[in-house]
Amino acid sequence: MSEAKPALGAPLLKVENLSAGYGAVPVLHGISIDVHPAEMVALVGSNGAGKTTTLRALSRVIDCTGSVTFDGHDLTRMAPDQVFALGLVQVPEGRQLFPRMTVRDNLLMGAYRRHDKADVARDLDKVYTLFPRLGERKRQLAGSMSGGEQQMCAMARALMAAPKLMMIDEMSLGLAPVIVDQLMDILAEIRKHGVTVLLVEQDVQVALSGADRAYVIETGAVALSGSAKDLIDDPAVQRAYLGL
């Protein structure tokens, strides 16, 4: 994987007027966001604002209206496995590992669509380098690990899919601050290798501390957007989300 830096050309992911919900219950109301190659973009907001629903719509797990373009492809009529095959890969909230499978087997599940066995083996070694704890525990059942280790495993499994853009849902949920700091450092390293990141977080401080840009979601709509640095200094964001 070669090192890459954020670019200002065409977005890798472009979302326009996205609306979605569950049955007759609308959740998203015309969200528009874009993510450029090698960026880390944060999608932040309170619980129930629509962040996870946004990721589910982008992954095509739920139906949506509007326009979603990823790497030049229109996703709006695709199935989830087609979206995954294009390199748009989600790390779900709650990790959703296979608890009775070993760490190694969980990681290989991320590469289930890949047929390049030699490249998969090389990427597995790279993942163990990036997450040394997983290398130490590769024969351990995933369900027996700590919450932080399971989050590492979920992120590493997504990397084994060779993603172009990795969407991470509530990475910090239930984890100690020291573990979250470690994960943010790992995300910074992942980006050096050209993987773009869309980070969904209820912990606004965590998200804005590592992102390039951010969107603040309130009641299913984009309320604020801009550089992460500007938003973390915004008095409205400080009052609403940072307790300042």
C-alpha atoms as a PDB file:
ATOM      1  CA  MET A   1       0.000   0.000   0.000  1.00  0.00           C
ATOM      2  CA  SER A   2       1.476   3.317  -1.044  1.00  0.00           C
ATOM      3  CA  GLU A   3       1.309   6.469   1.041  1.00  0.00           C
ATOM      4  CA  ALA A   4      -1.313   9.033   0.012  1.00  0.00           C
ATOM      5  CA  LYS A   5      -2.456  12.454   1.128  1.00  0.00           C
ATOM      6  CA  PRO A   6      -5.898  14.127   0.990  1.00  0.00           C
ATOM      7  CA  ALA A   7      -6.732  15.450  -2.474  1.00  0.00           C
ATOM      8  CA  LEU A   8      -9.054  18.243  -3.508  1.00  0.00           C
ATOM      9  CA  GLY A   9     -10.237  16.778  -6.821  1.00  0.00           C
ATOM     10  CA  ALA A  10     -13.488  14.932  -7.417  1.00  0.00           C
ATOM     11  CA  PRO A  11     -15.053  13.368  -4.314  1.00  0.00           C
ATOM     12  CA  LEU A  12     -14.637   9.642  -3.815  1.00  0.00           C
ATOM     13  CA  LEU A  13     -18.102   9.631  -2.204  1.00  0.00           C
ATOM     14  CA  LYS A  14     -20.761  12.176  -3.118  1.00  0.00           C
ATOM     15  CA  VAL A  15     -24.167  12.123  -1.424  1.00  0.00           C
ATOM     16  CA  GLU A  16     -26.913  14.493  -2.521  1.00  0.00           C
ATOM     17  CA  ASN A  17     -30.345  14.948  -0.981  1.00  0.00           C
ATOM     18  CA  LEU A  18     -30.295  11.572   0.783  1.00  0.00           C
ATOM     19  CA  SER A  19     -33.539  10.613   2.524  1.00  0.00           C
ATOM     20  CA  ALA A  20     -34.213   7.301   4.269  1.00  0.00           C
ATOM     21  CA  GLY A  21     -36.080   5.725   7.138  1.00  0.00           C
ATOM     22  CA  TYR A  22     -37.685   2.564   8.437  1.00  0.00           C
ATOM     23  CA  GLY A  23     -41.094   1.726   7.032  1.00  0.00           C
ATOM     24  CA  ALA A  24     -43.308   4.756   7.362  1.00  0.00           C
ATOM     25  CA  VAL A  25     -40.912   6.450   9.806  1.00  0.00           C
ATOM     26  CA  PRO A  26     -38.609   8.968   8.081  1.00  0.00           C
ATOM     27  CA  VAL A  27     -35.174   9.509   9.651  1.00  0.00           C
ATOM     28  CA  LEU A  28     -33.027  11.339   7.095  1.00  0.00           C
ATOM     29  CA  HIS A  29     -34.260  14.478   5.379  1.00  0.00           C
ATOM     30  CA  GLY A  30     -32.146  15.432   2.376  1.00  0.00           C
ATOM     31  CA  ILE A  31     -28.585  14.932   3.622  1.00  0.00           C
ATOM     32  CA  SER A  32     -25.757  16.019   1.315  1.00  0.00           C
ATOM     33  CA  ILE A  33     -22.121  15.210   2.096  1.00  0.00           C
ATOM     34  CA  ASP A  34     -18.924  14.475   0.196  1.00  0.00           C
ATOM     35  CA  VAL A  35     -15.700  12.686   1.061  1.00  0.00           C
ATOM     36  CA  HIS A  36     -12.488  13.138  -0.928  1.00  0.00           C
ATOM     37  CA  PRO A  37      -9.750  10.523  -1.394  1.00  0.00           C
ATOM     38  CA  ALA A  38      -7.502   9.969   1.659  1.00  0.00           C
ATOM     39  CA  GLU A  39      -9.589  12.284   3.860  1.00  0.00           C
ATOM     40  CA  MET A  40     -10.998  11.502   7.256  1.00  0.00           C
ATOM     41  CA  VAL A  41     -14.470  12.997   7.434  1.00  0.00           C
ATOM     42  CA  ALA A  42     -16.488  12.847  10.646  1.00  0.00           C
ATOM     43  CA  LEU A  43     -20.255  12.573  10.850  1.00  0.00           C
ATOM     44  CA  VAL A  44     -21.197  13.656  14.354  1.00  0.00           C
ATOM     45  CA  GLY A  45     -24.318  14.302  16.357  1.00  0.00           C
ATOM     46  CA  SER A  46     -26.320  13.138  19.321  1.00  0.00           C
ATOM     47  CA  ASN A  47     -27.856   9.687  19.714  1.00  0.00           C
ATOM     48  CA  GLY A  48     -30.802   9.297  17.339  1.00  0.00           C
ATOM     49  CA  ALA A  49     -29.719  12.077  14.983  1.00  0.00           C
ATOM     50  CA  GLY A  50     -29.533   9.719  11.995  1.00  0.00           C
ATOM     51  CA  LYS A  51     -25.829   8.916  11.780  1.00  0.00           C
ATOM     52  CA  THR A  52     -26.127   5.123  11.696  1.00  0.00           C
ATOM     53  CA  THR A  53     -29.098   5.345   9.339  1.00  0.00           C
ATOM     54  CA  THR A  54     -26.893   7.329   6.968  1.00  0.00           C
ATOM     55  CA  LEU A  55     -24.298   4.549   6.896  1.00  0.00           C
ATOM     56  CA  ARG A  56     -26.963   1.894   6.398  1.00  0.00           C
ATOM     57  CA  ALA A  57     -28.342   3.834   3.462  1.00  0.00           C
ATOM     58  CA  LEU A  58     -24.882   4.255   1.939  1.00  0.00           C
ATOM     59  CA  SER A  59     -24.217   0.521   2.348  1.00  0.00           C
ATOM     60  CA  ARG A  60     -27.635  -0.109   0.743  1.00  0.00           C
ATOM     61  CA  VAL A  61     -28.830  -2.106   3.741  1.00  0.00           C
ATOM     62  CA  ILE A  62     -31.927   0.104   3.762  1.00  0.00           C
ATOM     63  CA  ASP A  63     -33.709   1.834   0.896  1.00  0.00           C
ATOM     64  CA  CYS A  64     -33.129   5.495   0.247  1.00  0.00           C
ATOM     65  CA  THR A  65     -33.899   8.270  -2.184  1.00  0.00           C
ATOM     66  CA  GLY A  66     -31.490  10.856  -3.528  1.00  0.00           C
ATOM     67  CA  SER A  67     -28.134  10.393  -5.228  1.00  0.00           C
ATOM     68  CA  VAL A  68     -25.178   8.375  -3.922  1.00  0.00           C
ATOM     69  CA  THR A  69     -22.078   8.181  -6.118  1.00  0.00           C
ATOM     70  CA  PHE A  70     -18.989   6.250  -5.058  1.00  0.00           C
ATOM     71  CA  ASP A  71     -15.821   6.115  -7.167  1.00  0.00           C
ATOM     72  CA  GLY A  72     -17.870   7.038 -10.218  1.00  0.00           C
ATOM     73  CA  HIS A  73     -20.580   4.431  -9.597  1.00  0.00           C
ATOM     74  CA  ASP A  74     -24.244   5.158  -8.852  1.00  0.00           C
ATOM     75  CA  LEU A  75     -25.074   3.120  -5.728  1.00  0.00           C
ATOM     76  CA  THR A  76     -28.769   3.885  -5.432  1.00  0.00           C
ATOM     77  CA  ARG A  77     -29.941   0.685  -7.156  1.00  0.00           C
ATOM     78  CA  MET A  78     -27.148  -1.615  -6.028  1.00  0.00           C
ATOM     79  CA  ALA A  79     -27.311  -4.484  -3.550  1.00  0.00           C
ATOM     80  CA  PRO A  80     -25.132  -4.404  -0.407  1.00  0.00           C
ATOM     81  CA  ASP A  81     -22.688  -7.005  -1.755  1.00  0.00           C
ATOM     82  CA  GLN A  82     -22.169  -4.955  -4.923  1.00  0.00           C
ATOM     83  CA  VAL A  83     -21.386  -1.865  -2.836  1.00  0.00           C
ATOM     84  CA  PHE A  84     -18.950  -3.909  -0.730  1.00  0.00           C
ATOM     85  CA  ALA A  85     -17.253  -5.219  -3.874  1.00  0.00           C
ATOM     86  CA  LEU A  86     -16.618  -1.643  -5.042  1.00  0.00           C
ATOM     87  CA  GLY A  87     -14.596  -0.983  -1.878  1.00  0.00           C
ATOM     88  CA  LEU A  88     -17.135   0.816   0.330  1.00  0.00           C
ATOM     89  CA  VAL A  89     -16.780  -1.172   3.559  1.00  0.00           C
ATOM     90  CA  GLN A  90     -18.488  -0.606   6.892  1.00  0.00           C
ATOM     91  CA  VAL A  91     -17.291  -1.358  10.415  1.00  0.00           C
ATOM     92  CA  PRO A  92     -20.664  -1.720  12.132  1.00  0.00           C
ATOM     93  CA  GLU A  93     -21.684  -0.414  15.521  1.00  0.00           C
ATOM     94  CA  GLY A  94     -21.206  -3.156  18.092  1.00  0.00           C
ATOM     95  CA  ARG A  95     -18.418  -4.763  15.974  1.00  0.00           C
ATOM     96  CA  GLN A  96     -20.555  -7.797  14.978  1.00  0.00           C
ATOM     97  CA  LEU A  97     -17.689 -10.272  15.008  1.00  0.00           C
ATOM     98  CA  PHE A  98     -18.134 -14.037  14.807  1.00  0.00           C
ATOM     99  CA  PRO A  99     -17.496 -14.728  18.509  1.00  0.00           C
ATOM    100  CA  ARG A 100     -16.907 -18.488  18.207  1.00  0.00           C
ATOM    101  CA  MET A 101     -14.404 -18.095  15.391  1.00  0.00           C
ATOM    102  CA  THR A 102     -10.735 -17.284  15.915  1.00  0.00           C
ATOM    103  CA  VAL A 103      -9.358 -13.817  15.355  1.00  0.00           C
ATOM    104  CA  ARG A 104      -7.567 -15.038  12.210  1.00  0.00           C
ATOM    105  CA  ASP A 105     -10.740 -16.568  10.782  1.00  0.00           C
ATOM    106  CA  ASN A 106     -12.669 -13.357  11.492  1.00  0.00           C
ATOM    107  CA  LEU A 107     -10.033 -11.401   9.584  1.00  0.00           C
ATOM    108  CA  LEU A 108     -10.169 -13.799   6.654  1.00  0.00           C
ATOM    109  CA  MET A 109     -13.943 -13.345   6.505  1.00  0.00           C
ATOM    110  CA  GLY A 110     -13.228  -9.753   5.515  1.00  0.00           C
ATOM    111  CA  ALA A 111     -11.390 -11.053   2.448  1.00  0.00           C
ATOM    112  CA  TYR A 112     -14.049 -13.576   1.438  1.00  0.00           C
ATOM    113  CA  ARG A 113     -14.609 -11.940  -1.963  1.00  0.00           C
ATOM    114  CA  ARG A 114     -10.903 -11.814  -2.805  1.00  0.00           C
ATOM    115  CA  HIS A 115      -9.253 -14.543  -4.859  1.00  0.00           C
ATOM    116  CA  ASP A 116      -5.684 -13.203  -4.756  1.00  0.00           C
ATOM    117  CA  LYS A 117      -4.422 -15.583  -2.066  1.00  0.00           C
ATOM    118  CA  ALA A 118      -0.873 -14.230  -2.052  1.00  0.00           C
ATOM    119  CA  ASP A 119      -2.106 -10.646  -1.673  1.00  0.00           C
ATOM    120  CA  VAL A 120      -4.517 -11.710   1.074  1.00  0.00           C
ATOM    121  CA  ALA A 121      -1.635 -13.348   2.953  1.00  0.00           C
ATOM    122  CA  ARG A 122       0.470 -10.202   2.595  1.00  0.00           C
ATOM    123  CA  ASP A 123      -2.397  -8.018   3.803  1.00  0.00           C
ATOM    124  CA  LEU A 124      -2.912 -10.320   6.784  1.00  0.00           C
ATOM    125  CA  ASP A 125       0.721  -9.765   7.757  1.00  0.00           C
ATOM    126  CA  LYS A 126       0.260  -6.001   7.322  1.00  0.00           C
ATOM    127  CA  VAL A 127      -2.816  -6.083   9.569  1.00  0.00           C
ATOM    128  CA  TYR A 128      -0.869  -7.933  12.263  1.00  0.00           C
ATOM    129  CA  THR A 129       1.810  -5.254  12.019  1.00  0.00           C
ATOM    130  CA  LEU A 130      -0.791  -2.508  12.343  1.00  0.00           C
ATOM    131  CA  PHE A 131      -2.598  -4.323  15.181  1.00  0.00           C
ATOM    132  CA  PRO A 132       0.118  -6.296  17.048  1.00  0.00           C
ATOM    133  CA  ARG A 133      -2.373  -7.427  19.674  1.00  0.00           C
ATOM    134  CA  LEU A 134      -4.328  -9.316  17.020  1.00  0.00           C
ATOM    135  CA  GLY A 135      -1.195 -11.103  15.905  1.00  0.00           C
ATOM    136  CA  GLU A 136      -0.638 -12.229  19.484  1.00  0.00           C
ATOM    137  CA  ARG A 137      -4.217 -13.466  19.745  1.00  0.00           C
ATOM    138  CA  LYS A 138      -4.833 -14.764  16.230  1.00  0.00           C
ATOM    139  CA  ARG A 139      -5.756 -18.257  17.485  1.00  0.00           C
ATOM    140  CA  GLN A 140      -7.985 -16.931  20.271  1.00  0.00           C
ATOM    141  CA  LEU A 141     -11.781 -16.902  19.937  1.00  0.00           C
ATOM    142  CA  ALA A 142     -12.831 -13.372  19.022  1.00  0.00           C
ATOM    143  CA  GLY A 143     -15.654 -13.359  21.559  1.00  0.00           C
ATOM    144  CA  SER A 144     -13.229 -13.898  24.440  1.00  0.00           C
ATOM    145  CA  MET A 145     -11.288 -10.679  23.815  1.00  0.00           C
ATOM    146  CA  SER A 146     -11.779  -7.307  25.484  1.00  0.00           C
ATOM    147  CA  GLY A 147     -13.977  -4.631  23.919  1.00  0.00           C
ATOM    148  CA  GLY A 148     -10.996  -2.696  22.640  1.00  0.00           C
ATOM    149  CA  GLU A 149      -9.448  -5.796  21.089  1.00  0.00           C
ATOM    150  CA  GLN A 150     -12.745  -6.672  19.441  1.00  0.00           C
ATOM    151  CA  GLN A 151     -12.941  -3.176  17.953  1.00  0.00           C
ATOM    152  CA  MET A 152      -9.429  -3.633  16.580  1.00  0.00           C
ATOM    153  CA  CYS A 153     -10.521  -6.947  15.085  1.00  0.00           C
ATOM    154  CA  ALA A 154     -13.584  -5.363  13.446  1.00  0.00           C
ATOM    155  CA  MET A 155     -11.456  -2.610  11.909  1.00  0.00           C
ATOM    156  CA  ALA A 156      -8.808  -5.088  10.781  1.00  0.00           C
ATOM    157  CA  ARG A 157     -11.473  -7.321   9.215  1.00  0.00           C
ATOM    158  CA  ALA A 158     -12.680  -4.337   7.185  1.00  0.00           C
ATOM    159  CA  LEU A 159      -9.111  -3.647   6.046  1.00  0.00           C
ATOM    160  CA  MET A 160      -8.847  -7.224   4.804  1.00  0.00           C
ATOM    161  CA  ALA A 161     -11.557  -6.343   2.276  1.00  0.00           C
ATOM    162  CA  ALA A 162      -9.070  -3.916   0.655  1.00  0.00           C
ATOM    163  CA  PRO A 163     -11.426  -0.934   1.069  1.00  0.00           C
ATOM    164  CA  LYS A 164     -11.201   2.341  -0.787  1.00  0.00           C
ATOM    165  CA  LEU A 165     -13.394   3.960   1.878  1.00  0.00           C
ATOM    166  CA  MET A 166     -13.925   2.569   5.360  1.00  0.00           C
ATOM    167  CA  MET A 167     -17.027   3.716   7.253  1.00  0.00           C
ATOM    168  CA  ILE A 168     -16.693   3.250  11.022  1.00  0.00           C
ATOM    169  CA  ASP A 169     -19.802   3.435  13.191  1.00  0.00           C
ATOM    170  CA  GLU A 170     -19.339   4.521  16.827  1.00  0.00           C
ATOM    171  CA  MET A 171     -15.753   3.324  17.202  1.00  0.00           C
ATOM    172  CA  SER A 172     -15.365   4.705  20.734  1.00  0.00           C
ATOM    173  CA  LEU A 173     -18.585   3.236  22.154  1.00  0.00           C
ATOM    174  CA  GLY A 174     -17.948   1.619  25.550  1.00  0.00           C
ATOM    175  CA  LEU A 175     -14.162   1.921  25.339  1.00  0.00           C
ATOM    176  CA  ALA A 176     -11.724   3.546  27.741  1.00  0.00           C
ATOM    177  CA  PRO A 177     -10.197   6.840  26.528  1.00  0.00           C
ATOM    178  CA  VAL A 178      -6.688   5.340  26.340  1.00  0.00           C
ATOM    179  CA  ILE A 179      -7.968   2.646  23.932  1.00  0.00           C
ATOM    180  CA  VAL A 180      -9.794   5.235  21.840  1.00  0.00           C
ATOM    181  CA  ASP A 181      -6.569   7.229  21.547  1.00  0.00           C
ATOM    182  CA  GLN A 182      -4.792   4.109  20.301  1.00  0.00           C
ATOM    183  CA  LEU A 183      -7.501   3.488  17.712  1.00  0.00           C
ATOM    184  CA  MET A 184      -7.316   7.080  16.484  1.00  0.00           C
ATOM    185  CA  ASP A 185      -3.555   6.685  16.053  1.00  0.00           C
ATOM    186  CA  ILE A 186      -4.170   3.535  14.027  1.00  0.00           C
ATOM    187  CA  LEU A 187      -6.699   5.373  11.847  1.00  0.00           C
ATOM    188  CA  ALA A 188      -4.069   8.009  11.127  1.00  0.00           C
ATOM    189  CA  GLU A 189      -1.697   5.245  10.035  1.00  0.00           C
ATOM    190  CA  ILE A 190      -4.394   3.629   7.871  1.00  0.00           C
ATOM    191  CA  ARG A 191      -4.890   6.912   6.050  1.00  0.00           C
ATOM    192  CA  LYS A 192      -1.192   7.103   5.211  1.00  0.00           C
ATOM    193  CA  HIS A 193      -1.768   4.009   3.095  1.00  0.00           C
ATOM    194  CA  GLY A 194      -4.502   5.658   1.060  1.00  0.00           C
ATOM    195  CA  VAL A 195      -7.632   4.389   2.807  1.00  0.00           C
ATOM    196  CA  THR A 196     -10.304   7.067   3.081  1.00  0.00           C
ATOM    197  CA  VAL A 197     -12.290   7.169   6.345  1.00  0.00           C
ATOM    198  CA  LEU A 198     -15.832   8.241   7.180  1.00  0.00           C
ATOM    199  CA  LEU A 199     -16.070   8.200  10.973  1.00  0.00           C
ATOM    200  CA  VAL A 200     -19.486   8.279  12.634  1.00  0.00           C
ATOM    201  CA  GLU A 201     -19.237   9.279  16.284  1.00  0.00           C
ATOM    202  CA  GLN A 202     -21.416  10.417  19.151  1.00  0.00           C
ATOM    203  CA  ASP A 203     -18.217  11.520  20.923  1.00  0.00           C
ATOM    204  CA  VAL A 204     -17.746  14.792  19.066  1.00  0.00           C
ATOM    205  CA  GLN A 205     -14.428  15.609  20.759  1.00  0.00           C
ATOM    206  CA  VAL A 206     -12.889  12.323  19.603  1.00  0.00           C
ATOM    207  CA  ALA A 207     -14.164  12.685  16.044  1.00  0.00           C
ATOM    208  CA  LEU A 208     -13.168  16.309  15.521  1.00  0.00           C
ATOM    209  CA  SER A 209      -9.730  15.779  17.024  1.00  0.00           C
ATOM    210  CA  GLY A 210      -8.718  13.468  14.193  1.00  0.00           C
ATOM    211  CA  ALA A 211     -10.845  14.465  11.204  1.00  0.00           C
ATOM    212  CA  ASP A 212     -10.076  16.831   8.348  1.00  0.00           C
ATOM    213  CA  ARG A 213     -13.693  17.917   7.902  1.00  0.00           C
ATOM    214  CA  ALA A 214     -16.966  17.176   9.628  1.00  0.00           C
ATOM    215  CA  TYR A 215     -20.720  17.321   9.278  1.00  0.00           C
ATOM    216  CA  VAL A 216     -22.980  17.838  12.296  1.00  0.00           C
ATOM    217  CA  ILE A 217     -26.261  15.922  11.954  1.00  0.00           C
ATOM    218  CA  GLU A 218     -29.357  17.010  13.872  1.00  0.00           C
ATOM    219  CA  THR A 219     -32.753  15.325  13.499  1.00  0.00           C
ATOM    220  CA  GLY A 220     -31.827  13.758  10.174  1.00  0.00           C
ATOM    221  CA  ALA A 221     -30.369  16.822   8.474  1.00  0.00           C
ATOM    222  CA  VAL A 222     -26.980  18.511   8.187  1.00  0.00           C
ATOM    223  CA  ALA A 223     -26.971  21.399  10.649  1.00  0.00           C
ATOM    224  CA  LEU A 224     -23.318  22.465  10.311  1.00  0.00           C
ATOM    225  CA  SER A 225     -20.330  21.525   8.188  1.00  0.00           C
ATOM    226  CA  GLY A 226     -16.764  22.657   7.733  1.00  0.00           C
ATOM    227  CA  SER A 227     -13.208  21.914   8.747  1.00  0.00           C
ATOM    228  CA  ALA A 228     -12.916  19.929  11.957  1.00  0.00           C
ATOM    229  CA  LYS A 229     -10.762  22.657  13.461  1.00  0.00           C
ATOM    230  CA  ASP A 230     -13.377  25.335  12.766  1.00  0.00           C
ATOM    231  CA  LEU A 231     -16.194  23.213  14.141  1.00  0.00           C
ATOM    232  CA  ILE A 232     -14.403  22.284  17.351  1.00  0.00           C
ATOM    233  CA  ASP A 233     -13.934  26.044  17.953  1.00  0.00           C
ATOM    234  CA  ASP A 234     -17.539  26.863  17.028  1.00  0.00           C
ATOM    235  CA  PRO A 235     -19.420  28.175  20.112  1.00  0.00           C
ATOM    236  CA  ALA A 236     -22.635  26.402  19.064  1.00  0.00           C
ATOM    237  CA  VAL A 237     -20.820  23.053  18.811  1.00  0.00           C
ATOM    238  CA  GLN A 238     -19.031  23.662  22.099  1.00  0.00           C
ATOM    239  CA  ARG A 239     -22.302  24.391  23.888  1.00  0.00           C
ATOM    240  CA  ALA A 240     -24.308  21.574  22.343  1.00  0.00           C
ATOM    241  CA  TYR A 241     -21.737  18.763  22.270  1.00  0.00           C
ATOM    242  CA  LEU A 242     -18.619  19.613  24.263  1.00  0.00           C
ATOM    243  CA  GLY A 243     -20.177  20.943  27.463  1.00  0.00           C
ATOM    244  CA  LEU A 244     -18.352  24.265  27.210  1.00  0.00           C
END
